[in-house]
Amino acid sequence: MGVRETLNKIENMVATAKTFPFTGHILINDNDLVHYVEELRNDLPKELDKAEVIMKERDQIIEDARREAEHIRTEAERQAAAMVENSEIVLKSKQRGKEILQETQQKETAMVQAAEAQARELQNNVDAYANQVFEQLIAHVSRTFDGVQQAQNGVQQAAAGVQQVTQGLQQALQVLQTAKAGLNQPQPPLPAQSAPAQAQTAAEEKPAEE
């Protein structure tokens, strides 16, 4: 599996993850995330090997261009030497030799410049691709772990709220139990009347009987 495919899987996992209500936090499978990170760790060396092959090809292109230029120069010198037979031919051959050498140098310069430009382009593409892969990996992993941390914080806050409510209910239950115990206690008897008060009550009741 390629690096891009693995990154797409991580992005899809984050996009389709379940969201905690009212928080915007997401819940993902950490085993899947670790598996994708392992795939990236295994695939990145392959991509770097490809980059190394491209660099070797660049060196080969430059070397081939130099060899071709050397061959052209040698052939030009051979042709110039073959043309030297008499004075007129010598003059013409020298002129032609100069032209051939100039053309050869121009071709050599153009071929080397083209090879170097191609090599720079390949190197820039390799560097840009490697940077893009690492940036995407860092961004996806950072967002994923941030979501997990936020989800954990939300769960901890909810647990703290439940604990506070439980403590409040326990306190209310204790108050009710205390009040109930007070109602169940026996009430003290009323105080007895004194002797003068009893005599007065009897005197008041006697005429009524007559």
C-alpha atoms as a PDB file:
ATOM      1  CA  MET A   1       0.000   0.000   0.000  1.00  0.00           C
ATOM      2  CA  GLY A   2       1.285   3.465  -0.887  1.00  0.00           C
ATOM      3  CA  VAL A   3       1.777   6.405   1.432  1.00  0.00           C
ATOM      4  CA  ARG A   4      -1.003   8.390  -0.205  1.00  0.00           C
ATOM      5  CA  GLU A   5      -3.508   5.552   0.193  1.00  0.00           C
ATOM      6  CA  THR A   6      -2.660   5.213   3.879  1.00  0.00           C
ATOM      7  CA  LEU A   7      -3.054   8.964   4.418  1.00  0.00           C
ATOM      8  CA  ASN A   8      -6.419   8.841   2.651  1.00  0.00           C
ATOM      9  CA  LYS A   9      -7.513   6.042   5.009  1.00  0.00           C
ATOM     10  CA  ILE A  10      -6.504   8.094   8.054  1.00  0.00           C
ATOM     11  CA  GLU A  11      -8.381  11.109   6.702  1.00  0.00           C
ATOM     12  CA  ASN A  12     -11.474   8.981   6.003  1.00  0.00           C
ATOM     13  CA  MET A  13     -11.296   7.464   9.503  1.00  0.00           C
ATOM     14  CA  VAL A  14     -11.264  10.952  11.069  1.00  0.00           C
ATOM     15  CA  ALA A  15     -14.041  12.202   8.761  1.00  0.00           C
ATOM     16  CA  THR A  16     -16.363   9.268   9.523  1.00  0.00           C
ATOM     17  CA  ALA A  17     -15.615   9.006  13.260  1.00  0.00           C
ATOM     18  CA  LYS A  18     -18.496   9.284  15.755  1.00  0.00           C
ATOM     19  CA  THR A  19     -18.975  12.738  17.285  1.00  0.00           C
ATOM     20  CA  PHE A  20     -19.751  13.381  20.963  1.00  0.00           C
ATOM     21  CA  PRO A  21     -23.007  15.402  21.248  1.00  0.00           C
ATOM     22  CA  PHE A  22     -22.636  19.114  22.070  1.00  0.00           C
ATOM     23  CA  THR A  23     -18.813  18.903  22.090  1.00  0.00           C
ATOM     24  CA  GLY A  24     -17.614  18.398  18.530  1.00  0.00           C
ATOM     25  CA  HIS A  25     -15.185  15.766  19.806  1.00  0.00           C
ATOM     26  CA  ILE A  26     -14.706  12.533  17.903  1.00  0.00           C
ATOM     27  CA  LEU A  27     -14.058   8.920  18.895  1.00  0.00           C
ATOM     28  CA  ILE A  28     -11.667   6.824  16.805  1.00  0.00           C
ATOM     29  CA  ASN A  29     -10.176   3.337  17.086  1.00  0.00           C
ATOM     30  CA  ASP A  30      -6.624   3.705  18.347  1.00  0.00           C
ATOM     31  CA  ASN A  31      -5.726   0.252  17.009  1.00  0.00           C
ATOM     32  CA  ASP A  32      -6.603   1.346  13.467  1.00  0.00           C
ATOM     33  CA  LEU A  33      -4.565   4.523  13.879  1.00  0.00           C
ATOM     34  CA  VAL A  34      -1.519   2.599  15.097  1.00  0.00           C
ATOM     35  CA  HIS A  35      -1.924   0.183  12.176  1.00  0.00           C
ATOM     36  CA  TYR A  36      -1.934   3.037   9.651  1.00  0.00           C
ATOM     37  CA  VAL A  37       1.099   4.648  11.264  1.00  0.00           C
ATOM     38  CA  GLU A  38       2.916   1.305  10.975  1.00  0.00           C
ATOM     39  CA  GLU A  39       1.997   1.170   7.289  1.00  0.00           C
ATOM     40  CA  LEU A  40       3.445   4.639   6.783  1.00  0.00           C
ATOM     41  CA  ARG A  41       6.601   3.614   8.632  1.00  0.00           C
ATOM     42  CA  ASN A  42       6.935   0.632   6.293  1.00  0.00           C
ATOM     43  CA  ASP A  43       6.115   2.512   3.074  1.00  0.00           C
ATOM     44  CA  LEU A  44       8.246   5.615   3.602  1.00  0.00           C
ATOM     45  CA  PRO A  45      11.567   3.750   3.147  1.00  0.00           C
ATOM     46  CA  LYS A  46      10.249   2.455  -0.183  1.00  0.00           C
ATOM     47  CA  GLU A  47       9.476   6.008  -1.298  1.00  0.00           C
ATOM     48  CA  LEU A  48      12.928   7.109  -0.206  1.00  0.00           C
ATOM     49  CA  ASP A  49      14.436   4.215  -2.181  1.00  0.00           C
ATOM     50  CA  LYS A  50      12.572   5.458  -5.241  1.00  0.00           C
ATOM     51  CA  ALA A  51      14.021   8.905  -4.664  1.00  0.00           C
ATOM     52  CA  GLU A  52      17.499   7.391  -4.440  1.00  0.00           C
ATOM     53  CA  VAL A  53      16.953   5.586  -7.748  1.00  0.00           C
ATOM     54  CA  ILE A  54      15.889   8.865  -9.337  1.00  0.00           C
ATOM     55  CA  MET A  55      19.046  10.532  -8.053  1.00  0.00           C
ATOM     56  CA  LYS A  56      21.152   7.742  -9.563  1.00  0.00           C
ATOM     57  CA  GLU A  57      19.303   8.158 -12.851  1.00  0.00           C
ATOM     58  CA  ARG A  58      20.081  11.869 -12.734  1.00  0.00           C
ATOM     59  CA  ASP A  59      23.790  11.133 -12.370  1.00  0.00           C
ATOM     60  CA  GLN A  60      23.570   8.642 -15.224  1.00  0.00           C
ATOM     61  CA  ILE A  61      21.854  11.215 -17.450  1.00  0.00           C
ATOM     62  CA  ILE A  62      24.601  13.750 -16.796  1.00  0.00           C
ATOM     63  CA  GLU A  63      27.304  11.142 -17.416  1.00  0.00           C
ATOM     64  CA  ASP A  64      25.673  10.046 -20.681  1.00  0.00           C
ATOM     65  CA  ALA A  65      25.462  13.654 -21.827  1.00  0.00           C
ATOM     66  CA  ARG A  66      29.136  14.212 -21.143  1.00  0.00           C
ATOM     67  CA  ARG A  67      30.103  11.031 -22.963  1.00  0.00           C
ATOM     68  CA  GLU A  68      28.026  12.038 -25.970  1.00  0.00           C
ATOM     69  CA  ALA A  69      29.620  15.460 -25.996  1.00  0.00           C
ATOM     70  CA  GLU A  70      33.081  13.913 -25.801  1.00  0.00           C
ATOM     71  CA  HIS A  71      32.212  11.605 -28.671  1.00  0.00           C
ATOM     72  CA  ILE A  72      31.028  14.525 -30.774  1.00  0.00           C
ATOM     73  CA  ARG A  73      34.184  16.466 -30.018  1.00  0.00           C
ATOM     74  CA  THR A  74      36.422  13.503 -30.914  1.00  0.00           C
ATOM     75  CA  GLU A  75      34.537  12.963 -34.156  1.00  0.00           C
ATOM     76  CA  ALA A  76      34.852  16.646 -34.993  1.00  0.00           C
ATOM     77  CA  GLU A  77      38.577  16.589 -34.414  1.00  0.00           C
ATOM     78  CA  ARG A  78      38.882  13.464 -36.559  1.00  0.00           C
ATOM     79  CA  GLN A  79      36.938  15.073 -39.371  1.00  0.00           C
ATOM     80  CA  ALA A  80      39.021  18.230 -39.108  1.00  0.00           C
ATOM     81  CA  ALA A  81      42.270  16.250 -39.285  1.00  0.00           C
ATOM     82  CA  ALA A  82      41.020  14.306 -42.323  1.00  0.00           C
ATOM     83  CA  MET A  83      40.251  17.519 -44.169  1.00  0.00           C
ATOM     84  CA  VAL A  84      43.800  18.847 -43.824  1.00  0.00           C
ATOM     85  CA  GLU A  85      45.374  17.884 -47.171  1.00  0.00           C
ATOM     86  CA  ASN A  86      46.563  21.109 -48.787  1.00  0.00           C
ATOM     87  CA  SER A  87      46.718  24.773 -47.958  1.00  0.00           C
ATOM     88  CA  GLU A  88      43.283  25.572 -49.281  1.00  0.00           C
ATOM     89  CA  ILE A  89      41.850  22.539 -47.643  1.00  0.00           C
ATOM     90  CA  VAL A  90      43.776  23.412 -44.494  1.00  0.00           C
ATOM     91  CA  LEU A  91      42.213  26.853 -44.350  1.00  0.00           C
ATOM     92  CA  LYS A  92      38.781  25.461 -45.016  1.00  0.00           C
ATOM     93  CA  SER A  93      39.326  22.621 -42.616  1.00  0.00           C
ATOM     94  CA  LYS A  94      40.493  24.954 -39.893  1.00  0.00           C
ATOM     95  CA  GLN A  95      37.460  27.132 -40.391  1.00  0.00           C
ATOM     96  CA  ARG A  96      35.202  24.145 -40.507  1.00  0.00           C
ATOM     97  CA  GLY A  97      36.990  22.645 -37.544  1.00  0.00           C
ATOM     98  CA  LYS A  98      36.378  25.794 -35.540  1.00  0.00           C
ATOM     99  CA  GLU A  99      32.725  25.743 -36.527  1.00  0.00           C
ATOM    100  CA  ILE A 100      32.435  22.084 -35.610  1.00  0.00           C
ATOM    101  CA  LEU A 101      34.150  22.690 -32.288  1.00  0.00           C
ATOM    102  CA  GLN A 102      31.852  25.626 -31.559  1.00  0.00           C
ATOM    103  CA  GLU A 103      28.813  23.578 -32.491  1.00  0.00           C
ATOM    104  CA  THR A 104      30.116  20.724 -30.386  1.00  0.00           C
ATOM    105  CA  GLN A 105      30.709  22.976 -27.402  1.00  0.00           C
ATOM    106  CA  GLN A 106      27.258  24.486 -27.784  1.00  0.00           C
ATOM    107  CA  LYS A 107      25.674  21.039 -28.010  1.00  0.00           C
ATOM    108  CA  GLU A 108      27.711  19.838 -25.049  1.00  0.00           C
ATOM    109  CA  THR A 109      26.728  22.874 -22.989  1.00  0.00           C
ATOM    110  CA  ALA A 110      23.072  22.521 -23.975  1.00  0.00           C
ATOM    111  CA  MET A 111      22.999  18.800 -23.188  1.00  0.00           C
ATOM    112  CA  VAL A 112      24.714  19.248 -19.826  1.00  0.00           C
ATOM    113  CA  GLN A 113      22.417  22.151 -18.910  1.00  0.00           C
ATOM    114  CA  ALA A 114      19.360  20.130 -19.923  1.00  0.00           C
ATOM    115  CA  ALA A 115      20.558  17.141 -17.908  1.00  0.00           C
ATOM    116  CA  GLU A 116      21.277  19.306 -14.867  1.00  0.00           C
ATOM    117  CA  ALA A 117      17.887  21.035 -15.204  1.00  0.00           C
ATOM    118  CA  GLN A 118      16.162  17.660 -15.382  1.00  0.00           C
ATOM    119  CA  ALA A 119      18.125  16.441 -12.383  1.00  0.00           C
ATOM    120  CA  ARG A 120      17.201  19.563 -10.380  1.00  0.00           C
ATOM    121  CA  GLU A 121      13.564  19.115 -11.313  1.00  0.00           C
ATOM    122  CA  LEU A 122      13.654  15.475 -10.219  1.00  0.00           C
ATOM    123  CA  GLN A 123      15.349  16.434  -6.960  1.00  0.00           C
ATOM    124  CA  ASN A 124      12.813  19.210  -6.311  1.00  0.00           C
ATOM    125  CA  ASN A 125       9.950  16.804  -6.992  1.00  0.00           C
ATOM    126  CA  VAL A 126      11.428  14.235  -4.639  1.00  0.00           C
ATOM    127  CA  ASP A 127      11.984  16.826  -1.887  1.00  0.00           C
ATOM    128  CA  ALA A 128       8.503  18.302  -2.338  1.00  0.00           C
ATOM    129  CA  TYR A 129       6.899  14.866  -2.240  1.00  0.00           C
ATOM    130  CA  ALA A 130       8.797  13.831   0.876  1.00  0.00           C
ATOM    131  CA  ASN A 131       7.907  17.114   2.635  1.00  0.00           C
ATOM    132  CA  GLN A 132       4.268  16.751   1.655  1.00  0.00           C
ATOM    133  CA  VAL A 133       4.116  13.199   2.988  1.00  0.00           C
ATOM    134  CA  PHE A 134       5.664  14.148   6.349  1.00  0.00           C
ATOM    135  CA  GLU A 135       3.495  17.283   6.715  1.00  0.00           C
ATOM    136  CA  GLN A 136       0.315  15.338   5.990  1.00  0.00           C
ATOM    137  CA  LEU A 137       1.352  12.604   8.398  1.00  0.00           C
ATOM    138  CA  ILE A 138       2.108  15.094  11.190  1.00  0.00           C
ATOM    139  CA  ALA A 139      -1.155  16.993  10.570  1.00  0.00           C
ATOM    140  CA  HIS A 140      -3.341  13.851  10.559  1.00  0.00           C
ATOM    141  CA  VAL A 141      -1.732  12.326  13.628  1.00  0.00           C
ATOM    142  CA  SER A 142      -1.909  15.666  15.507  1.00  0.00           C
ATOM    143  CA  ARG A 143      -5.606  16.143  14.726  1.00  0.00           C
ATOM    144  CA  THR A 144      -6.376  12.559  15.643  1.00  0.00           C
ATOM    145  CA  PHE A 145      -4.624  12.667  19.030  1.00  0.00           C
ATOM    146  CA  ASP A 146      -6.144  16.102  19.779  1.00  0.00           C
ATOM    147  CA  GLY A 147      -9.607  14.630  19.186  1.00  0.00           C
ATOM    148  CA  VAL A 148      -8.869  11.708  21.486  1.00  0.00           C
ATOM    149  CA  GLN A 149      -7.568  14.010  24.230  1.00  0.00           C
ATOM    150  CA  GLN A 150     -10.625  16.273  23.962  1.00  0.00           C
ATOM    151  CA  ALA A 151     -12.931  13.256  24.164  1.00  0.00           C
ATOM    152  CA  GLN A 152     -11.144  12.032  27.293  1.00  0.00           C
ATOM    153  CA  ASN A 153     -11.465  15.488  28.881  1.00  0.00           C
ATOM    154  CA  GLY A 154     -15.203  15.523  28.084  1.00  0.00           C
ATOM    155  CA  VAL A 155     -15.701  12.121  29.708  1.00  0.00           C
ATOM    156  CA  GLN A 156     -13.771  13.212  32.809  1.00  0.00           C
ATOM    157  CA  GLN A 157     -15.877  16.383  33.134  1.00  0.00           C
ATOM    158  CA  ALA A 158     -19.103  14.369  32.787  1.00  0.00           C
ATOM    159  CA  ALA A 159     -17.919  11.918  35.459  1.00  0.00           C
ATOM    160  CA  ALA A 160     -17.125  14.815  37.817  1.00  0.00           C
ATOM    161  CA  GLY A 161     -20.652  16.221  37.290  1.00  0.00           C
ATOM    162  CA  VAL A 162     -22.233  12.849  38.059  1.00  0.00           C
ATOM    163  CA  GLN A 163     -20.149  12.575  41.227  1.00  0.00           C
ATOM    164  CA  GLN A 164     -21.313  16.030  42.407  1.00  0.00           C
ATOM    165  CA  VAL A 165     -24.974  15.116  41.796  1.00  0.00           C
ATOM    166  CA  THR A 166     -24.497  11.842  43.693  1.00  0.00           C
ATOM    167  CA  GLN A 167     -22.986  13.667  46.672  1.00  0.00           C
ATOM    168  CA  GLY A 168     -25.904  16.137  46.701  1.00  0.00           C
ATOM    169  CA  LEU A 169     -28.438  13.293  46.720  1.00  0.00           C
ATOM    170  CA  GLN A 170     -26.600  11.580  49.575  1.00  0.00           C
ATOM    171  CA  GLN A 171     -26.656  14.793  51.634  1.00  0.00           C
ATOM    172  CA  ALA A 172     -30.405  15.254  50.975  1.00  0.00           C
ATOM    173  CA  LEU A 173     -31.036  11.649  52.035  1.00  0.00           C
ATOM    174  CA  GLN A 174     -29.164  12.212  55.293  1.00  0.00           C
ATOM    175  CA  VAL A 175     -31.293  15.319  56.036  1.00  0.00           C
ATOM    176  CA  LEU A 176     -34.516  13.362  55.413  1.00  0.00           C
ATOM    177  CA  GLN A 177     -33.360  10.509  57.639  1.00  0.00           C
ATOM    178  CA  THR A 178     -32.526  12.977  60.453  1.00  0.00           C
ATOM    179  CA  ALA A 179     -35.956  14.624  60.188  1.00  0.00           C
ATOM    180  CA  LYS A 180     -37.711  11.255  60.208  1.00  0.00           C
ATOM    181  CA  ALA A 181     -35.826  10.175  63.316  1.00  0.00           C
ATOM    182  CA  GLY A 182     -36.913  13.381  65.101  1.00  0.00           C
ATOM    183  CA  LEU A 183     -40.586  12.741  64.294  1.00  0.00           C
ATOM    184  CA  ASN A 184     -40.414   9.170  65.636  1.00  0.00           C
ATOM    185  CA  GLN A 185     -39.145  10.241  69.126  1.00  0.00           C
ATOM    186  CA  PRO A 186     -41.893  10.131  71.988  1.00  0.00           C
ATOM    187  CA  GLN A 187     -43.375  13.524  73.065  1.00  0.00           C
ATOM    188  CA  PRO A 188     -42.963  14.613  76.802  1.00  0.00           C
ATOM    189  CA  PRO A 189     -46.212  14.391  79.047  1.00  0.00           C
ATOM    190  CA  LEU A 190     -48.156  17.558  79.940  1.00  0.00           C
ATOM    191  CA  PRO A 191     -47.398  19.021  83.461  1.00  0.00           C
ATOM    192  CA  ALA A 192     -49.849  17.985  86.383  1.00  0.00           C
ATOM    193  CA  GLN A 193     -52.183  20.658  87.977  1.00  0.00           C
ATOM    194  CA  SER A 194     -51.276  21.969  91.474  1.00  0.00           C
ATOM    195  CA  ALA A 195     -53.455  21.251  94.629  1.00  0.00           C
ATOM    196  CA  PRO A 196     -55.037  24.779  94.959  1.00  0.00           C
ATOM    197  CA  ALA A 197     -56.043  24.606  91.370  1.00  0.00           C
ATOM    198  CA  GLN A 198     -57.721  21.228  91.955  1.00  0.00           C
ATOM    199  CA  ALA A 199     -59.650  22.605  95.028  1.00  0.00           C
ATOM    200  CA  GLN A 200     -60.852  25.600  93.062  1.00  0.00           C
ATOM    201  CA  THR A 201     -62.027  23.333  90.295  1.00  0.00           C
ATOM    202  CA  ALA A 202     -63.971  21.173  92.823  1.00  0.00           C
ATOM    203  CA  ALA A 203     -65.617  24.278  94.435  1.00  0.00           C
ATOM    204  CA  GLU A 204     -66.724  25.514  91.042  1.00  0.00           C
ATOM    205  CA  GLU A 205     -68.199  22.146  90.158  1.00  0.00           C
ATOM    206  CA  LYS A 206     -70.141  21.681  93.581  1.00  0.00           C
ATOM    207  CA  PRO A 207     -72.866  24.381  93.171  1.00  0.00           C
ATOM    208  CA  ALA A 208     -73.523  23.071  89.794  1.00  0.00           C
ATOM    209  CA  GLU A 209     -74.321  19.672  91.280  1.00  0.00           C
ATOM    210  CA  GLU A 210     -76.822  21.150  93.876  1.00  0.00           C
END
